[in-house]
Amino acid sequence: MTALYIDADACPVKAEAERVATRHKIRMFVVSNGGLRPSQNPLVENIIVPDGPDVADIWIADRCGAGDVVVTGDIPLAARCVEAGARVLKHNGEALTAANIGNVLATRDLMADLRAADPFRQGGGKGFTKSDRSRFLDALEREIRAVQR
């Protein structure tokens, strides 16, 4: 049975994911450290994990598998989920797969090293746009249809 796992802390597409999950009648797990308004949707289960580094990530990685879809911006979590056979999407709709996760991890590590080497470096990632939201919705719809075949 397909399940949708949302790494919910700082996730900008929870409502969109819930709409897609409801349309396909699949169970959705919204995993966070708390502070989120619980959904009243019977298909959505809000999972509150204890505070601590990567506790939500561990919860998701321990449960997802083939036929599941995971939404996360956390690249190490994405790698664990891909390894478990799950389909993984970033919030902007980018699919993380066995074919690209190695490069994405390497880029993440390189950027962390560059930031550590220059503490005065300003700026961060680009903002989340309407087109990112639209790409996410299209990608999630495709992934769910693919696993339901």
C-alpha atoms as a PDB file:
ATOM      1  CA  MET A   1       0.000   0.000   0.000  1.00  0.00           C
ATOM      2  CA  THR A   2       1.338   3.385  -0.993  1.00  0.00           C
ATOM      3  CA  ALA A   3       1.954   5.977   1.706  1.00  0.00           C
ATOM      4  CA  LEU A   4       3.061   9.577   1.430  1.00  0.00           C
ATOM      5  CA  TYR A   5       5.612  10.775   3.995  1.00  0.00           C
ATOM      6  CA  ILE A   6       6.150  14.502   4.526  1.00  0.00           C
ATOM      7  CA  ASP A   7       9.245  15.788   6.306  1.00  0.00           C
ATOM      8  CA  ALA A   8       7.061  18.584   7.618  1.00  0.00           C
ATOM      9  CA  ASP A   9       9.353  20.968   9.490  1.00  0.00           C
ATOM     10  CA  ALA A  10       9.785  23.924   7.101  1.00  0.00           C
ATOM     11  CA  CYS A  11       7.854  22.163   4.316  1.00  0.00           C
ATOM     12  CA  PRO A  12       6.065  24.728   2.132  1.00  0.00           C
ATOM     13  CA  VAL A  13       3.854  22.198   0.308  1.00  0.00           C
ATOM     14  CA  LYS A  14       1.989  20.333   3.058  1.00  0.00           C
ATOM     15  CA  ALA A  15      -1.449  21.539   1.933  1.00  0.00           C
ATOM     16  CA  GLU A  16      -0.748  20.677  -1.699  1.00  0.00           C
ATOM     17  CA  ALA A  17       0.478  17.203  -0.761  1.00  0.00           C
ATOM     18  CA  GLU A  18      -2.645  16.651   1.330  1.00  0.00           C
ATOM     19  CA  ARG A  19      -4.887  17.555  -1.611  1.00  0.00           C
ATOM     20  CA  VAL A  20      -3.111  15.065  -3.884  1.00  0.00           C
ATOM     21  CA  ALA A  21      -3.129  12.331  -1.222  1.00  0.00           C
ATOM     22  CA  THR A  22      -6.847  12.880  -0.629  1.00  0.00           C
ATOM     23  CA  ARG A  23      -7.615  12.736  -4.345  1.00  0.00           C
ATOM     24  CA  HIS A  24      -5.804   9.380  -4.597  1.00  0.00           C
ATOM     25  CA  LYS A  25      -7.082   8.151  -1.222  1.00  0.00           C
ATOM     26  CA  ILE A  26      -3.630   7.329   0.109  1.00  0.00           C
ATOM     27  CA  ARG A  27      -2.415   7.631   3.677  1.00  0.00           C
ATOM     28  CA  MET A  28      -0.203  10.616   4.451  1.00  0.00           C
ATOM     29  CA  PHE A  29       2.161  10.937   7.402  1.00  0.00           C
ATOM     30  CA  VAL A  30       3.125  14.492   8.384  1.00  0.00           C
ATOM     31  CA  VAL A  31       6.229  14.084  10.543  1.00  0.00           C
ATOM     32  CA  SER A  32       7.555  16.976  12.638  1.00  0.00           C
ATOM     33  CA  ASN A  33       8.902  18.020  16.016  1.00  0.00           C
ATOM     34  CA  GLY A  34       5.603  19.761  16.734  1.00  0.00           C
ATOM     35  CA  GLY A  35       4.187  23.205  16.307  1.00  0.00           C
ATOM     36  CA  LEU A  36       2.021  22.307  13.313  1.00  0.00           C
ATOM     37  CA  ARG A  37      -1.745  22.539  13.189  1.00  0.00           C
ATOM     38  CA  PRO A  38      -3.052  18.970  12.839  1.00  0.00           C
ATOM     39  CA  SER A  39      -5.161  18.156   9.814  1.00  0.00           C
ATOM     40  CA  GLN A  40      -8.704  16.930  10.352  1.00  0.00           C
ATOM     41  CA  ASN A  41      -8.420  14.767   7.243  1.00  0.00           C
ATOM     42  CA  PRO A  42      -8.821  11.081   8.224  1.00  0.00           C
ATOM     43  CA  LEU A  43      -6.153  10.083   5.668  1.00  0.00           C
ATOM     44  CA  VAL A  44      -3.564  12.345   7.326  1.00  0.00           C
ATOM     45  CA  GLU A  45      -1.728  11.214  10.423  1.00  0.00           C
ATOM     46  CA  ASN A  46       0.292  13.846  12.254  1.00  0.00           C
ATOM     47  CA  ILE A  47       3.382  12.299  13.821  1.00  0.00           C
ATOM     48  CA  ILE A  48       5.082  14.348  16.528  1.00  0.00           C
ATOM     49  CA  VAL A  49       8.578  13.099  17.271  1.00  0.00           C
ATOM     50  CA  PRO A  50      10.741  14.134  20.235  1.00  0.00           C
ATOM     51  CA  ASP A  51      13.157  17.023  19.848  1.00  0.00           C
ATOM     52  CA  GLY A  52      16.586  15.990  18.758  1.00  0.00           C
ATOM     53  CA  PRO A  53      18.793  15.917  15.718  1.00  0.00           C
ATOM     54  CA  ASP A  54      17.287  13.982  12.813  1.00  0.00           C
ATOM     55  CA  VAL A  55      14.545  12.271  14.881  1.00  0.00           C
ATOM     56  CA  ALA A  56      11.898  13.006  12.227  1.00  0.00           C
ATOM     57  CA  ASP A  57      14.277  11.849   9.508  1.00  0.00           C
ATOM     58  CA  ILE A  58      14.935   8.573  11.310  1.00  0.00           C
ATOM     59  CA  TRP A  59      11.192   7.999  11.785  1.00  0.00           C
ATOM     60  CA  ILE A  60      10.559   8.432   8.045  1.00  0.00           C
ATOM     61  CA  ALA A  61      13.604   6.463   6.885  1.00  0.00           C
ATOM     62  CA  ASP A  62      12.740   3.525   9.150  1.00  0.00           C
ATOM     63  CA  ARG A  63       9.228   3.227   7.696  1.00  0.00           C
ATOM     64  CA  CYS A  64       9.326   4.152   4.018  1.00  0.00           C
ATOM     65  CA  GLY A  65       9.958   1.639   1.300  1.00  0.00           C
ATOM     66  CA  ALA A  66       9.131   0.580  -2.226  1.00  0.00           C
ATOM     67  CA  GLY A  67       5.820   2.015  -3.363  1.00  0.00           C
ATOM     68  CA  ASP A  68       5.988   4.994  -0.995  1.00  0.00           C
ATOM     69  CA  VAL A  69       6.619   8.644  -1.815  1.00  0.00           C
ATOM     70  CA  VAL A  70       8.669  10.909   0.467  1.00  0.00           C
ATOM     71  CA  VAL A  71       8.704  14.715   0.298  1.00  0.00           C
ATOM     72  CA  THR A  72      11.796  16.277   1.850  1.00  0.00           C
ATOM     73  CA  GLY A  73      14.430  18.911   1.332  1.00  0.00           C
ATOM     74  CA  ASP A  74      16.863  16.984   3.545  1.00  0.00           C
ATOM     75  CA  ILE A  75      19.368  15.354   1.194  1.00  0.00           C
ATOM     76  CA  PRO A  76      20.788  12.734   3.618  1.00  0.00           C
ATOM     77  CA  LEU A  77      17.207  11.657   4.434  1.00  0.00           C
ATOM     78  CA  ALA A  78      16.428  11.536   0.715  1.00  0.00           C
ATOM     79  CA  ALA A  79      19.435   9.262   0.169  1.00  0.00           C
ATOM     80  CA  ARG A  80      18.241   6.847   2.865  1.00  0.00           C
ATOM     81  CA  CYS A  81      14.725   6.800   1.400  1.00  0.00           C
ATOM     82  CA  VAL A  82      15.985   6.224  -2.161  1.00  0.00           C
ATOM     83  CA  GLU A  83      18.102   3.363  -0.817  1.00  0.00           C
ATOM     84  CA  ALA A  84      14.955   1.896   0.798  1.00  0.00           C
ATOM     85  CA  GLY A  85      13.205   1.976  -2.574  1.00  0.00           C
ATOM     86  CA  ALA A  86      10.923   4.972  -2.008  1.00  0.00           C
ATOM     87  CA  ARG A  87      10.349   7.697  -4.563  1.00  0.00           C
ATOM     88  CA  VAL A  88      11.594  11.050  -3.282  1.00  0.00           C
ATOM     89  CA  LEU A  89      10.643  14.595  -4.235  1.00  0.00           C
ATOM     90  CA  LYS A  90      12.056  17.895  -3.098  1.00  0.00           C
ATOM     91  CA  HIS A  91       9.601  20.731  -2.392  1.00  0.00           C
ATOM     92  CA  ASN A  92      10.224  22.223  -5.830  1.00  0.00           C
ATOM     93  CA  GLY A  93       9.250  18.993  -7.606  1.00  0.00           C
ATOM     94  CA  GLU A  94      12.782  17.771  -8.296  1.00  0.00           C
ATOM     95  CA  ALA A  95      12.901  13.991  -8.151  1.00  0.00           C
ATOM     96  CA  LEU A  96      15.779  12.418  -6.257  1.00  0.00           C
ATOM     97  CA  THR A  97      16.603   8.979  -7.618  1.00  0.00           C
ATOM     98  CA  ALA A  98      19.295   6.329  -7.441  1.00  0.00           C
ATOM     99  CA  ALA A  99      20.730   7.887 -10.605  1.00  0.00           C
ATOM    100  CA  ASN A 100      21.180  11.414  -9.185  1.00  0.00           C
ATOM    101  CA  ILE A 101      21.302  11.179  -5.386  1.00  0.00           C
ATOM    102  CA  GLY A 102      25.094  10.679  -5.315  1.00  0.00           C
ATOM    103  CA  ASN A 103      25.683  13.926  -7.213  1.00  0.00           C
ATOM    104  CA  VAL A 104      23.147  15.801  -5.088  1.00  0.00           C
ATOM    105  CA  LEU A 105      24.829  14.576  -1.882  1.00  0.00           C
ATOM    106  CA  ALA A 106      28.277  15.546  -3.194  1.00  0.00           C
ATOM    107  CA  THR A 107      27.041  19.031  -4.143  1.00  0.00           C
ATOM    108  CA  ARG A 108      25.453  19.463  -0.718  1.00  0.00           C
ATOM    109  CA  ASP A 109      28.713  18.510   0.990  1.00  0.00           C
ATOM    110  CA  LEU A 110      30.747  20.816  -1.257  1.00  0.00           C
ATOM    111  CA  MET A 111      28.446  23.756  -0.521  1.00  0.00           C
ATOM    112  CA  ALA A 112      28.660  23.068   3.227  1.00  0.00           C
ATOM    113  CA  ASP A 113      32.466  23.122   2.962  1.00  0.00           C
ATOM    114  CA  LEU A 114      32.401  26.393   1.016  1.00  0.00           C
ATOM    115  CA  ARG A 115      30.103  28.008   3.586  1.00  0.00           C
ATOM    116  CA  ALA A 116      32.346  26.817   6.424  1.00  0.00           C
ATOM    117  CA  ALA A 117      35.441  28.206   4.695  1.00  0.00           C
ATOM    118  CA  ASP A 118      33.930  31.691   4.289  1.00  0.00           C
ATOM    119  CA  PRO A 119      31.954  32.717   7.398  1.00  0.00           C
ATOM    120  CA  PHE A 120      31.256  36.132   5.855  1.00  0.00           C
ATOM    121  CA  ARG A 121      29.515  34.711   2.811  1.00  0.00           C
ATOM    122  CA  GLN A 122      26.086  36.284   2.506  1.00  0.00           C
ATOM    123  CA  GLY A 123      22.909  34.911   1.049  1.00  0.00           C
ATOM    124  CA  GLY A 124      21.226  31.590   0.951  1.00  0.00           C
ATOM    125  CA  GLY A 125      19.120  29.586  -1.405  1.00  0.00           C
ATOM    126  CA  LYS A 126      16.634  31.082  -3.803  1.00  0.00           C
ATOM    127  CA  GLY A 127      13.106  31.711  -2.603  1.00  0.00           C
ATOM    128  CA  PHE A 128      10.195  29.326  -3.102  1.00  0.00           C
ATOM    129  CA  THR A 129       8.071  30.463  -6.057  1.00  0.00           C
ATOM    130  CA  LYS A 130       4.634  29.762  -7.508  1.00  0.00           C
ATOM    131  CA  SER A 131       6.292  27.870 -10.345  1.00  0.00           C
ATOM    132  CA  ASP A 132       8.108  25.678  -7.758  1.00  0.00           C
ATOM    133  CA  ARG A 133       4.732  24.915  -6.178  1.00  0.00           C
ATOM    134  CA  SER A 134       3.231  24.073  -9.557  1.00  0.00           C
ATOM    135  CA  ARG A 135       6.187  21.830 -10.486  1.00  0.00           C
ATOM    136  CA  PHE A 136       5.822  20.080  -7.139  1.00  0.00           C
ATOM    137  CA  LEU A 137       2.119  19.375  -7.697  1.00  0.00           C
ATOM    138  CA  ASP A 138       2.790  17.964 -11.179  1.00  0.00           C
ATOM    139  CA  ALA A 139       5.691  15.842  -9.943  1.00  0.00           C
ATOM    140  CA  LEU A 140       3.768  14.475  -6.949  1.00  0.00           C
ATOM    141  CA  GLU A 141       0.830  13.559  -9.160  1.00  0.00           C
ATOM    142  CA  ARG A 142       3.201  11.709 -11.548  1.00  0.00           C
ATOM    143  CA  GLU A 143       4.977   9.851  -8.731  1.00  0.00           C
ATOM    144  CA  ILE A 144       1.758   8.709  -7.075  1.00  0.00           C
ATOM    145  CA  ARG A 145       0.304   7.537 -10.368  1.00  0.00           C
ATOM    146  CA  ALA A 146       3.531   5.665 -11.117  1.00  0.00           C
ATOM    147  CA  VAL A 147       3.510   3.759  -7.824  1.00  0.00           C
ATOM    148  CA  GLN A 148      -0.180   2.923  -8.146  1.00  0.00           C
ATOM    149  CA  ARG A 149       0.324   1.175 -11.505  1.00  0.00           C
END
